[in-house]
Amino acid sequence: MKTLKEQVKERLKEFEISPKRSLGQNFLINGGVISKIIATLDLSYPLTIEVGPGLGAITEDLKVENKFKLIELDRKLSAYWAREGYDVLEADALKVNWFELCENKKTQLVSNLPYQISSSLLVQLCSGPDNLDQMTLMYQKEVAERIASEPGSKQYGLLSVMAQVFWTIQFVLDAGPTDFYPRPNIASRVLKFTRKPLNTHDLDLEGRTRFLKFVKAAFQQRRKFLMKNVSNYIKGSESKRAQVLELFSQWGFDEKVRAERLSPQQFLDFYKVFNI
């Protein structure tokens, strides 16, 4: 029986393609890793979406009961999955309309993500659609650590705040370079995300976009004090400044606190002072 690595090499030869670094094409060849990823999914979900099916390591073993869609940027691979009868969209996952794609159905997402889009896609999906409420995603281990990092650490930043405000995050597994072909130079980690209910943050879609801009401003210059980074939100309002300082005092901070000290919930409370 051929190994997964041998099967991958055969398919690459069949399609007359080479793995593209520009598309982050490192194909999974560890059956144990694949099985554990699939085990995190609910096969009865109304809609399952896979980003970057590639050569089908997850796709062909994923026996979902309902609708299944693929997003694949590589033209040859997209055409292959279409010929195999799959509902496939040839597109960049960062540029699709996720609200249309999810069709108002309860949706789960799975992906061995191209590393160059992994952070941006997570931040984008914080804003919805809310019916996309489960995700199992592969990340560069360093990025996964940033996502789940705690306040005060060097890794803690915008990605940590956004992910933790809108998602409950669970560790699934670590994968090494030998679990892929071709071998990447980095370790990987799989995380499962479950969307938090609206009442945990009370931000509508526009509010989430504004919150993202606020958090970006807060971390724009990490060595500066938080109040300096968000000074544009406070200009001309002594009452808001007083409210902020009162909050900081309750949390044990003074006005010289830096952004990395605030927890995700504290960031949310801080943002709401401005009624943006």
C-alpha atoms as a PDB file:
ATOM      1  CA  MET A   1       0.000   0.000   0.000  1.00  0.00           C
ATOM      2  CA  LYS A   2       1.370   3.402  -0.980  1.00  0.00           C
ATOM      3  CA  THR A   3       2.144   5.964   1.693  1.00  0.00           C
ATOM      4  CA  LEU A   4       0.399   9.337   1.690  1.00  0.00           C
ATOM      5  CA  LYS A   5       3.669  10.933   0.647  1.00  0.00           C
ATOM      6  CA  GLU A   6       3.897   8.621  -2.377  1.00  0.00           C
ATOM      7  CA  GLN A   7       0.280   9.360  -3.269  1.00  0.00           C
ATOM      8  CA  VAL A   8       0.943  13.108  -3.067  1.00  0.00           C
ATOM      9  CA  LYS A   9       3.973  12.825  -5.350  1.00  0.00           C
ATOM     10  CA  GLU A  10       1.968  10.777  -7.854  1.00  0.00           C
ATOM     11  CA  ARG A  11      -0.849  13.332  -7.950  1.00  0.00           C
ATOM     12  CA  LEU A  12       1.549  16.205  -8.386  1.00  0.00           C
ATOM     13  CA  LYS A  13       3.086  14.376 -11.319  1.00  0.00           C
ATOM     14  CA  GLU A  14      -0.366  13.543 -12.717  1.00  0.00           C
ATOM     15  CA  PHE A  15      -1.442  17.195 -12.567  1.00  0.00           C
ATOM     16  CA  GLU A  16       1.952  18.358 -13.860  1.00  0.00           C
ATOM     17  CA  ILE A  17       2.316  20.826 -11.022  1.00  0.00           C
ATOM     18  CA  SER A  18       4.946  21.595  -8.422  1.00  0.00           C
ATOM     19  CA  PRO A  19       4.068  22.793  -4.900  1.00  0.00           C
ATOM     20  CA  LYS A  20       3.826  26.580  -5.007  1.00  0.00           C
ATOM     21  CA  ARG A  21       5.464  28.445  -2.170  1.00  0.00           C
ATOM     22  CA  SER A  22       3.395  31.514  -3.145  1.00  0.00           C
ATOM     23  CA  LEU A  23       0.186  29.579  -2.346  1.00  0.00           C
ATOM     24  CA  GLY A  24       1.553  27.962   0.816  1.00  0.00           C
ATOM     25  CA  GLN A  25       1.216  24.487  -0.692  1.00  0.00           C
ATOM     26  CA  ASN A  26       2.562  22.096   1.926  1.00  0.00           C
ATOM     27  CA  PHE A  27       0.414  18.968   1.670  1.00  0.00           C
ATOM     28  CA  LEU A  28      -0.483  16.873   4.716  1.00  0.00           C
ATOM     29  CA  ILE A  29       0.953  13.339   4.607  1.00  0.00           C
ATOM     30  CA  ASN A  30       0.308  12.178   8.190  1.00  0.00           C
ATOM     31  CA  GLY A  31      -2.897  10.128   8.457  1.00  0.00           C
ATOM     32  CA  GLY A  32      -3.011  10.529  12.219  1.00  0.00           C
ATOM     33  CA  VAL A  33      -3.010  14.317  11.975  1.00  0.00           C
ATOM     34  CA  ILE A  34      -5.721  14.184   9.309  1.00  0.00           C
ATOM     35  CA  SER A  35      -7.911  11.906  11.462  1.00  0.00           C
ATOM     36  CA  LYS A  36      -7.603  14.178  14.493  1.00  0.00           C
ATOM     37  CA  ILE A  37      -8.568  17.233  12.441  1.00  0.00           C
ATOM     38  CA  ILE A  38     -11.650  15.472  11.063  1.00  0.00           C
ATOM     39  CA  ALA A  39     -12.577  14.294  14.574  1.00  0.00           C
ATOM     40  CA  THR A  40     -13.059  17.935  15.631  1.00  0.00           C
ATOM     41  CA  LEU A  41     -15.804  18.428  13.028  1.00  0.00           C
ATOM     42  CA  ASP A  42     -19.530  17.773  13.270  1.00  0.00           C
ATOM     43  CA  LEU A  43     -20.341  15.777  10.143  1.00  0.00           C
ATOM     44  CA  SER A  44     -24.032  16.694  10.446  1.00  0.00           C
ATOM     45  CA  TYR A  45     -23.471  20.467  10.071  1.00  0.00           C
ATOM     46  CA  PRO A  46     -25.789  22.019   7.441  1.00  0.00           C
ATOM     47  CA  LEU A  47     -22.754  23.440   5.621  1.00  0.00           C
ATOM     48  CA  THR A  48     -19.052  22.580   5.733  1.00  0.00           C
ATOM     49  CA  ILE A  49     -16.456  24.687   3.904  1.00  0.00           C
ATOM     50  CA  GLU A  50     -12.842  23.722   3.303  1.00  0.00           C
ATOM     51  CA  VAL A  51     -10.286  26.342   2.288  1.00  0.00           C
ATOM     52  CA  GLY A  52      -7.415  25.017   0.172  1.00  0.00           C
ATOM     53  CA  PRO A  53      -8.290  21.337  -0.311  1.00  0.00           C
ATOM     54  CA  GLY A  54      -5.089  20.949  -2.314  1.00  0.00           C
ATOM     55  CA  LEU A  55      -4.638  17.270  -3.159  1.00  0.00           C
ATOM     56  CA  GLY A  56      -7.468  16.161  -0.885  1.00  0.00           C
ATOM     57  CA  ALA A  57      -5.793  14.949   2.312  1.00  0.00           C
ATOM     58  CA  ILE A  58      -8.774  16.129   4.354  1.00  0.00           C
ATOM     59  CA  THR A  59     -11.330  16.447   1.560  1.00  0.00           C
ATOM     60  CA  GLU A  60     -11.569  12.812   0.520  1.00  0.00           C
ATOM     61  CA  ASP A  61     -11.850  11.509   4.093  1.00  0.00           C
ATOM     62  CA  LEU A  62     -14.432  14.089   5.125  1.00  0.00           C
ATOM     63  CA  LYS A  63     -17.777  12.288   4.792  1.00  0.00           C
ATOM     64  CA  VAL A  64     -20.154  15.119   5.655  1.00  0.00           C
ATOM     65  CA  GLU A  65     -23.905  14.472   5.634  1.00  0.00           C
ATOM     66  CA  ASN A  66     -24.968  17.797   4.118  1.00  0.00           C
ATOM     67  CA  LYS A  67     -23.637  20.529   1.851  1.00  0.00           C
ATOM     68  CA  PHE A  68     -19.858  20.707   1.291  1.00  0.00           C
ATOM     69  CA  LYS A  69     -18.035  23.569  -0.459  1.00  0.00           C
ATOM     70  CA  LEU A  70     -14.395  24.050  -1.384  1.00  0.00           C
ATOM     71  CA  ILE A  71     -12.392  27.230  -1.940  1.00  0.00           C
ATOM     72  CA  GLU A  72      -9.257  26.604  -4.003  1.00  0.00           C
ATOM     73  CA  LEU A  73      -7.046  29.280  -5.559  1.00  0.00           C
ATOM     74  CA  ASP A  74      -4.888  26.973  -7.680  1.00  0.00           C
ATOM     75  CA  ARG A  75      -6.547  26.741 -11.105  1.00  0.00           C
ATOM     76  CA  LYS A  76      -5.543  23.148 -11.876  1.00  0.00           C
ATOM     77  CA  LEU A  77      -6.605  21.863  -8.465  1.00  0.00           C
ATOM     78  CA  SER A  78      -9.861  23.812  -8.583  1.00  0.00           C
ATOM     79  CA  ALA A  79     -10.653  22.281 -11.981  1.00  0.00           C
ATOM     80  CA  TYR A  80      -9.816  18.810 -10.665  1.00  0.00           C
ATOM     81  CA  TRP A  81     -12.239  19.069  -7.725  1.00  0.00           C
ATOM     82  CA  ALA A  82     -14.950  20.422 -10.017  1.00  0.00           C
ATOM     83  CA  ARG A  83     -14.479  17.393 -12.299  1.00  0.00           C
ATOM     84  CA  GLU A  84     -14.795  15.167  -9.239  1.00  0.00           C
ATOM     85  CA  GLY A  85     -18.234  16.630  -8.608  1.00  0.00           C
ATOM     86  CA  TYR A  86     -17.452  18.972  -5.726  1.00  0.00           C
ATOM     87  CA  ASP A  87     -18.951  22.439  -5.295  1.00  0.00           C
ATOM     88  CA  VAL A  88     -15.716  24.400  -5.677  1.00  0.00           C
ATOM     89  CA  LEU A  89     -15.040  28.126  -5.885  1.00  0.00           C
ATOM     90  CA  GLU A  90     -11.769  29.159  -7.538  1.00  0.00           C
ATOM     91  CA  ALA A  91     -10.905  32.159  -5.416  1.00  0.00           C
ATOM     92  CA  ASP A  92      -8.730  33.776  -2.777  1.00  0.00           C
ATOM     93  CA  ALA A  93     -10.356  33.080   0.612  1.00  0.00           C
ATOM     94  CA  LEU A  94      -9.568  36.657   1.672  1.00  0.00           C
ATOM     95  CA  LYS A  95     -11.616  38.061  -1.208  1.00  0.00           C
ATOM     96  CA  VAL A  96     -14.780  35.949  -1.175  1.00  0.00           C
ATOM     97  CA  ASN A  97     -18.089  37.174   0.231  1.00  0.00           C
ATOM     98  CA  TRP A  98     -18.416  34.935   3.271  1.00  0.00           C
ATOM     99  CA  PHE A  99     -21.979  36.109   3.931  1.00  0.00           C
ATOM    100  CA  GLU A 100     -23.077  34.870   0.504  1.00  0.00           C
ATOM    101  CA  LEU A 101     -20.936  31.749   0.719  1.00  0.00           C
ATOM    102  CA  CYS A 102     -22.493  30.609   3.999  1.00  0.00           C
ATOM    103  CA  GLU A 103     -26.056  31.021   2.645  1.00  0.00           C
ATOM    104  CA  ASN A 104     -27.483  31.784   6.111  1.00  0.00           C
ATOM    105  CA  LYS A 105     -26.765  28.164   7.034  1.00  0.00           C
ATOM    106  CA  LYS A 106     -25.058  27.040  10.219  1.00  0.00           C
ATOM    107  CA  THR A 107     -21.498  26.627   8.909  1.00  0.00           C
ATOM    108  CA  GLN A 108     -18.199  25.084   9.964  1.00  0.00           C
ATOM    109  CA  LEU A 109     -14.838  25.780   8.346  1.00  0.00           C
ATOM    110  CA  VAL A 110     -11.804  23.509   8.105  1.00  0.00           C
ATOM    111  CA  SER A 111      -8.441  24.239   6.530  1.00  0.00           C
ATOM    112  CA  ASN A 112      -4.766  23.436   6.371  1.00  0.00           C
ATOM    113  CA  LEU A 113      -4.364  27.167   5.871  1.00  0.00           C
ATOM    114  CA  PRO A 114      -1.771  28.762   3.627  1.00  0.00           C
ATOM    115  CA  TYR A 115       0.308  30.485   6.293  1.00  0.00           C
ATOM    116  CA  GLN A 116       0.433  33.816   4.478  1.00  0.00           C
ATOM    117  CA  ILE A 117      -3.348  34.312   4.806  1.00  0.00           C
ATOM    118  CA  SER A 118      -3.944  32.633   8.167  1.00  0.00           C
ATOM    119  CA  SER A 119      -3.884  35.694  10.439  1.00  0.00           C
ATOM    120  CA  SER A 120      -5.785  37.951   8.042  1.00  0.00           C
ATOM    121  CA  LEU A 121      -8.533  35.380   7.497  1.00  0.00           C
ATOM    122  CA  LEU A 122      -9.081  34.914  11.227  1.00  0.00           C
ATOM    123  CA  VAL A 123      -9.350  38.667  11.819  1.00  0.00           C
ATOM    124  CA  GLN A 124     -11.712  39.008   8.845  1.00  0.00           C
ATOM    125  CA  LEU A 125     -13.998  36.246  10.114  1.00  0.00           C
ATOM    126  CA  CYS A 126     -14.259  37.844  13.564  1.00  0.00           C
ATOM    127  CA  SER A 127     -16.750  40.182  11.884  1.00  0.00           C
ATOM    128  CA  GLY A 128     -18.946  37.353  10.726  1.00  0.00           C
ATOM    129  CA  PRO A 129     -21.017  35.901   9.350  1.00  0.00           C
ATOM    130  CA  ASP A 130     -22.208  34.759  12.766  1.00  0.00           C
ATOM    131  CA  ASN A 131     -23.649  31.542  11.350  1.00  0.00           C
ATOM    132  CA  LEU A 132     -20.055  30.513  10.566  1.00  0.00           C
ATOM    133  CA  ASP A 133     -19.624  29.455  14.153  1.00  0.00           C
ATOM    134  CA  GLN A 134     -17.060  26.616  14.182  1.00  0.00           C
ATOM    135  CA  MET A 135     -13.572  26.509  12.646  1.00  0.00           C
ATOM    136  CA  THR A 136     -10.706  24.008  12.759  1.00  0.00           C
ATOM    137  CA  LEU A 137      -7.621  25.662  11.290  1.00  0.00           C
ATOM    138  CA  MET A 138      -3.928  24.869  10.872  1.00  0.00           C
ATOM    139  CA  TYR A 139      -1.468  27.621  11.762  1.00  0.00           C
ATOM    140  CA  GLN A 140       2.223  28.199  11.925  1.00  0.00           C
ATOM    141  CA  LYS A 141       2.902  27.312  15.570  1.00  0.00           C
ATOM    142  CA  GLU A 142       4.254  30.768  16.335  1.00  0.00           C
ATOM    143  CA  VAL A 143       1.043  32.382  15.047  1.00  0.00           C
ATOM    144  CA  ALA A 144      -1.113  29.906  17.003  1.00  0.00           C
ATOM    145  CA  GLU A 145       0.776  30.866  20.155  1.00  0.00           C
ATOM    146  CA  ARG A 146       0.089  34.545  19.454  1.00  0.00           C
ATOM    147  CA  ILE A 147      -3.620  33.816  19.013  1.00  0.00           C
ATOM    148  CA  ALA A 148      -3.883  32.158  22.429  1.00  0.00           C
ATOM    149  CA  SER A 149      -1.296  34.266  24.288  1.00  0.00           C
ATOM    150  CA  GLU A 150      -2.055  36.049  27.544  1.00  0.00           C
ATOM    151  CA  PRO A 151      -1.749  39.739  28.440  1.00  0.00           C
ATOM    152  CA  GLY A 152       1.760  40.833  29.346  1.00  0.00           C
ATOM    153  CA  SER A 153       3.557  38.445  27.015  1.00  0.00           C
ATOM    154  CA  LYS A 154       5.625  39.547  24.010  1.00  0.00           C
ATOM    155  CA  GLN A 155       3.358  37.521  21.720  1.00  0.00           C
ATOM    156  CA  TYR A 156       0.172  39.211  22.911  1.00  0.00           C
ATOM    157  CA  GLY A 157      -1.259  41.736  20.473  1.00  0.00           C
ATOM    158  CA  LEU A 158      -4.020  42.577  18.026  1.00  0.00           C
ATOM    159  CA  LEU A 159      -4.472  38.975  16.868  1.00  0.00           C
ATOM    160  CA  SER A 160      -4.793  37.749  20.471  1.00  0.00           C
ATOM    161  CA  VAL A 161      -7.385  40.373  21.402  1.00  0.00           C
ATOM    162  CA  MET A 162      -9.543  39.923  18.313  1.00  0.00           C
ATOM    163  CA  ALA A 163      -9.474  36.119  18.435  1.00  0.00           C
ATOM    164  CA  GLN A 164     -10.240  35.904  22.149  1.00  0.00           C
ATOM    165  CA  VAL A 165     -13.044  38.487  22.140  1.00  0.00           C
ATOM    166  CA  PHE A 166     -15.000  36.670  19.438  1.00  0.00           C
ATOM    167  CA  TRP A 167     -13.965  32.995  19.763  1.00  0.00           C
ATOM    168  CA  THR A 168     -13.429  30.285  22.343  1.00  0.00           C
ATOM    169  CA  ILE A 169     -10.132  28.678  21.338  1.00  0.00           C
ATOM    170  CA  GLN A 170      -9.069  25.066  21.910  1.00  0.00           C
ATOM    171  CA  PHE A 171      -5.736  23.401  21.213  1.00  0.00           C
ATOM    172  CA  VAL A 172      -6.121  20.353  18.946  1.00  0.00           C
ATOM    173  CA  LEU A 173      -2.615  19.156  18.043  1.00  0.00           C
ATOM    174  CA  ASP A 174       0.882  20.070  16.961  1.00  0.00           C
ATOM    175  CA  ALA A 175       2.302  18.966  13.610  1.00  0.00           C
ATOM    176  CA  GLY A 176       5.961  18.866  12.637  1.00  0.00           C
ATOM    177  CA  PRO A 177       7.717  19.464   9.311  1.00  0.00           C
ATOM    178  CA  THR A 178       7.754  15.719   8.535  1.00  0.00           C
ATOM    179  CA  ASP A 179       3.930  15.697   8.523  1.00  0.00           C
ATOM    180  CA  PHE A 180       3.953  17.667   5.248  1.00  0.00           C
ATOM    181  CA  TYR A 181       5.278  17.438   1.726  1.00  0.00           C
ATOM    182  CA  PRO A 182       7.291  19.394   0.888  1.00  0.00           C
ATOM    183  CA  ARG A 183       8.631  19.857   4.401  1.00  0.00           C
ATOM    184  CA  PRO A 184       8.179  23.401   5.730  1.00  0.00           C
ATOM    185  CA  ASN A 185      10.896  24.928   7.898  1.00  0.00           C
ATOM    186  CA  ILE A 186       8.483  25.539  10.758  1.00  0.00           C
ATOM    187  CA  ALA A 187       6.233  23.679  13.177  1.00  0.00           C
ATOM    188  CA  SER A 188       2.451  23.888  12.906  1.00  0.00           C
ATOM    189  CA  ARG A 189      -0.492  23.839  15.305  1.00  0.00           C
ATOM    190  CA  VAL A 190      -4.181  23.117  14.819  1.00  0.00           C
ATOM    191  CA  LEU A 191      -6.730  25.161  16.786  1.00  0.00           C
ATOM    192  CA  LYS A 192     -10.480  24.837  17.047  1.00  0.00           C
ATOM    193  CA  PHE A 193     -12.562  28.015  17.263  1.00  0.00           C
ATOM    194  CA  THR A 194     -16.136  28.260  18.539  1.00  0.00           C
ATOM    195  CA  ARG A 195     -17.829  31.614  18.033  1.00  0.00           C
ATOM    196  CA  LYS A 196     -18.912  33.326  21.244  1.00  0.00           C
ATOM    197  CA  PRO A 197     -22.557  34.413  21.572  1.00  0.00           C
ATOM    198  CA  LEU A 198     -23.414  37.993  20.637  1.00  0.00           C
ATOM    199  CA  ASN A 199     -24.238  38.873  24.253  1.00  0.00           C
ATOM    200  CA  THR A 200     -20.581  38.332  25.262  1.00  0.00           C
ATOM    201  CA  HIS A 201     -19.509  41.423  23.323  1.00  0.00           C
ATOM    202  CA  ASP A 202     -22.720  43.136  22.026  1.00  0.00           C
ATOM    203  CA  LEU A 203     -21.001  44.423  18.880  1.00  0.00           C
ATOM    204  CA  ASP A 204     -22.876  44.452  15.598  1.00  0.00           C
ATOM    205  CA  LEU A 205     -20.971  44.048  12.324  1.00  0.00           C
ATOM    206  CA  GLU A 206     -20.124  47.754  12.049  1.00  0.00           C
ATOM    207  CA  GLY A 207     -19.125  47.825  15.702  1.00  0.00           C
ATOM    208  CA  ARG A 208     -16.674  44.953  15.135  1.00  0.00           C
ATOM    209  CA  THR A 209     -15.022  46.826  12.272  1.00  0.00           C
ATOM    210  CA  ARG A 210     -14.632  49.906  14.470  1.00  0.00           C
ATOM    211  CA  PHE A 211     -13.349  47.778  17.352  1.00  0.00           C
ATOM    212  CA  LEU A 212     -10.682  46.310  15.045  1.00  0.00           C
ATOM    213  CA  LYS A 213      -9.527  49.834  14.093  1.00  0.00           C
ATOM    214  CA  PHE A 214      -9.422  50.760  17.770  1.00  0.00           C
ATOM    215  CA  VAL A 215      -7.307  47.733  18.729  1.00  0.00           C
ATOM    216  CA  LYS A 216      -4.993  48.363  15.749  1.00  0.00           C
ATOM    217  CA  ALA A 217      -4.457  51.914  16.982  1.00  0.00           C
ATOM    218  CA  ALA A 218      -3.776  50.658  20.514  1.00  0.00           C
ATOM    219  CA  PHE A 219      -0.980  48.333  19.363  1.00  0.00           C
ATOM    220  CA  GLN A 220       0.340  50.557  16.579  1.00  0.00           C
ATOM    221  CA  GLN A 221       3.399  51.587  18.591  1.00  0.00           C
ATOM    222  CA  ARG A 222       3.852  49.034  21.372  1.00  0.00           C
ATOM    223  CA  ARG A 223       6.509  51.029  23.204  1.00  0.00           C
ATOM    224  CA  LYS A 224       4.193  54.016  23.607  1.00  0.00           C
ATOM    225  CA  PHE A 225       1.619  54.307  26.370  1.00  0.00           C
ATOM    226  CA  LEU A 226      -1.859  53.124  25.435  1.00  0.00           C
ATOM    227  CA  MET A 227      -3.419  56.538  26.064  1.00  0.00           C
ATOM    228  CA  LYS A 228      -0.979  58.082  23.581  1.00  0.00           C
ATOM    229  CA  ASN A 229      -1.818  55.508  20.878  1.00  0.00           C
ATOM    230  CA  VAL A 230      -5.566  56.110  21.173  1.00  0.00           C
ATOM    231  CA  SER A 231      -5.351  59.839  21.801  1.00  0.00           C
ATOM    232  CA  ASN A 232      -7.470  60.599  18.721  1.00  0.00           C
ATOM    233  CA  TYR A 233     -10.406  58.875  20.427  1.00  0.00           C
ATOM    234  CA  ILE A 234     -10.069  61.050  23.521  1.00  0.00           C
ATOM    235  CA  LYS A 235      -9.294  64.478  22.046  1.00  0.00           C
ATOM    236  CA  GLY A 236     -11.682  67.169  23.200  1.00  0.00           C
ATOM    237  CA  SER A 237     -13.487  65.027  25.779  1.00  0.00           C
ATOM    238  CA  GLU A 238     -12.336  65.369  29.348  1.00  0.00           C
ATOM    239  CA  SER A 239     -15.311  63.305  30.505  1.00  0.00           C
ATOM    240  CA  LYS A 240     -14.218  60.322  28.407  1.00  0.00           C
ATOM    241  CA  ARG A 241     -10.653  60.697  29.645  1.00  0.00           C
ATOM    242  CA  ALA A 242     -11.932  60.678  33.221  1.00  0.00           C
ATOM    243  CA  GLN A 243     -13.987  57.539  32.524  1.00  0.00           C
ATOM    244  CA  VAL A 244     -10.952  55.805  31.058  1.00  0.00           C
ATOM    245  CA  LEU A 245      -8.743  56.691  33.998  1.00  0.00           C
ATOM    246  CA  GLU A 246     -11.432  55.467  36.397  1.00  0.00           C
ATOM    247  CA  LEU A 247     -11.533  52.132  34.539  1.00  0.00           C
ATOM    248  CA  PHE A 248      -7.740  51.886  34.614  1.00  0.00           C
ATOM    249  CA  SER A 249      -7.774  52.545  38.354  1.00  0.00           C
ATOM    250  CA  GLN A 250     -10.319  49.747  38.891  1.00  0.00           C
ATOM    251  CA  TRP A 251      -8.015  47.382  36.976  1.00  0.00           C
ATOM    252  CA  GLY A 252      -4.923  48.451  38.912  1.00  0.00           C
ATOM    253  CA  PHE A 253      -3.397  50.485  36.072  1.00  0.00           C
ATOM    254  CA  ASP A 254      -2.408  54.123  35.712  1.00  0.00           C
ATOM    255  CA  GLU A 255      -2.384  56.306  32.618  1.00  0.00           C
ATOM    256  CA  LYS A 256       1.069  55.005  31.638  1.00  0.00           C
ATOM    257  CA  VAL A 257      -0.203  51.480  31.004  1.00  0.00           C
ATOM    258  CA  ARG A 258       0.738  49.887  27.683  1.00  0.00           C
ATOM    259  CA  ALA A 259      -1.669  48.023  25.401  1.00  0.00           C
ATOM    260  CA  GLU A 260      -0.273  44.552  26.114  1.00  0.00           C
ATOM    261  CA  ARG A 261      -1.356  44.776  29.770  1.00  0.00           C
ATOM    262  CA  LEU A 262      -5.116  44.861  29.046  1.00  0.00           C
ATOM    263  CA  SER A 263      -7.015  41.601  28.716  1.00  0.00           C
ATOM    264  CA  PRO A 264      -9.366  41.097  25.735  1.00  0.00           C
ATOM    265  CA  GLN A 265     -12.371  41.831  27.960  1.00  0.00           C
ATOM    266  CA  GLN A 266     -10.728  44.964  29.308  1.00  0.00           C
ATOM    267  CA  PHE A 267     -10.075  46.114  25.728  1.00  0.00           C
ATOM    268  CA  LEU A 268     -13.758  45.646  24.982  1.00  0.00           C
ATOM    269  CA  ASP A 269     -14.798  47.625  28.088  1.00  0.00           C
ATOM    270  CA  PHE A 270     -12.246  50.319  27.263  1.00  0.00           C
ATOM    271  CA  TYR A 271     -13.574  50.629  23.691  1.00  0.00           C
ATOM    272  CA  LYS A 272     -17.177  50.930  24.857  1.00  0.00           C
ATOM    273  CA  VAL A 273     -16.352  54.059  26.837  1.00  0.00           C
ATOM    274  CA  PHE A 274     -16.230  55.910  23.524  1.00  0.00           C
ATOM    275  CA  ASN A 275     -19.648  54.701  22.291  1.00  0.00           C
ATOM    276  CA  ILE A 276     -18.147  54.413  18.819  1.00  0.00           C
END
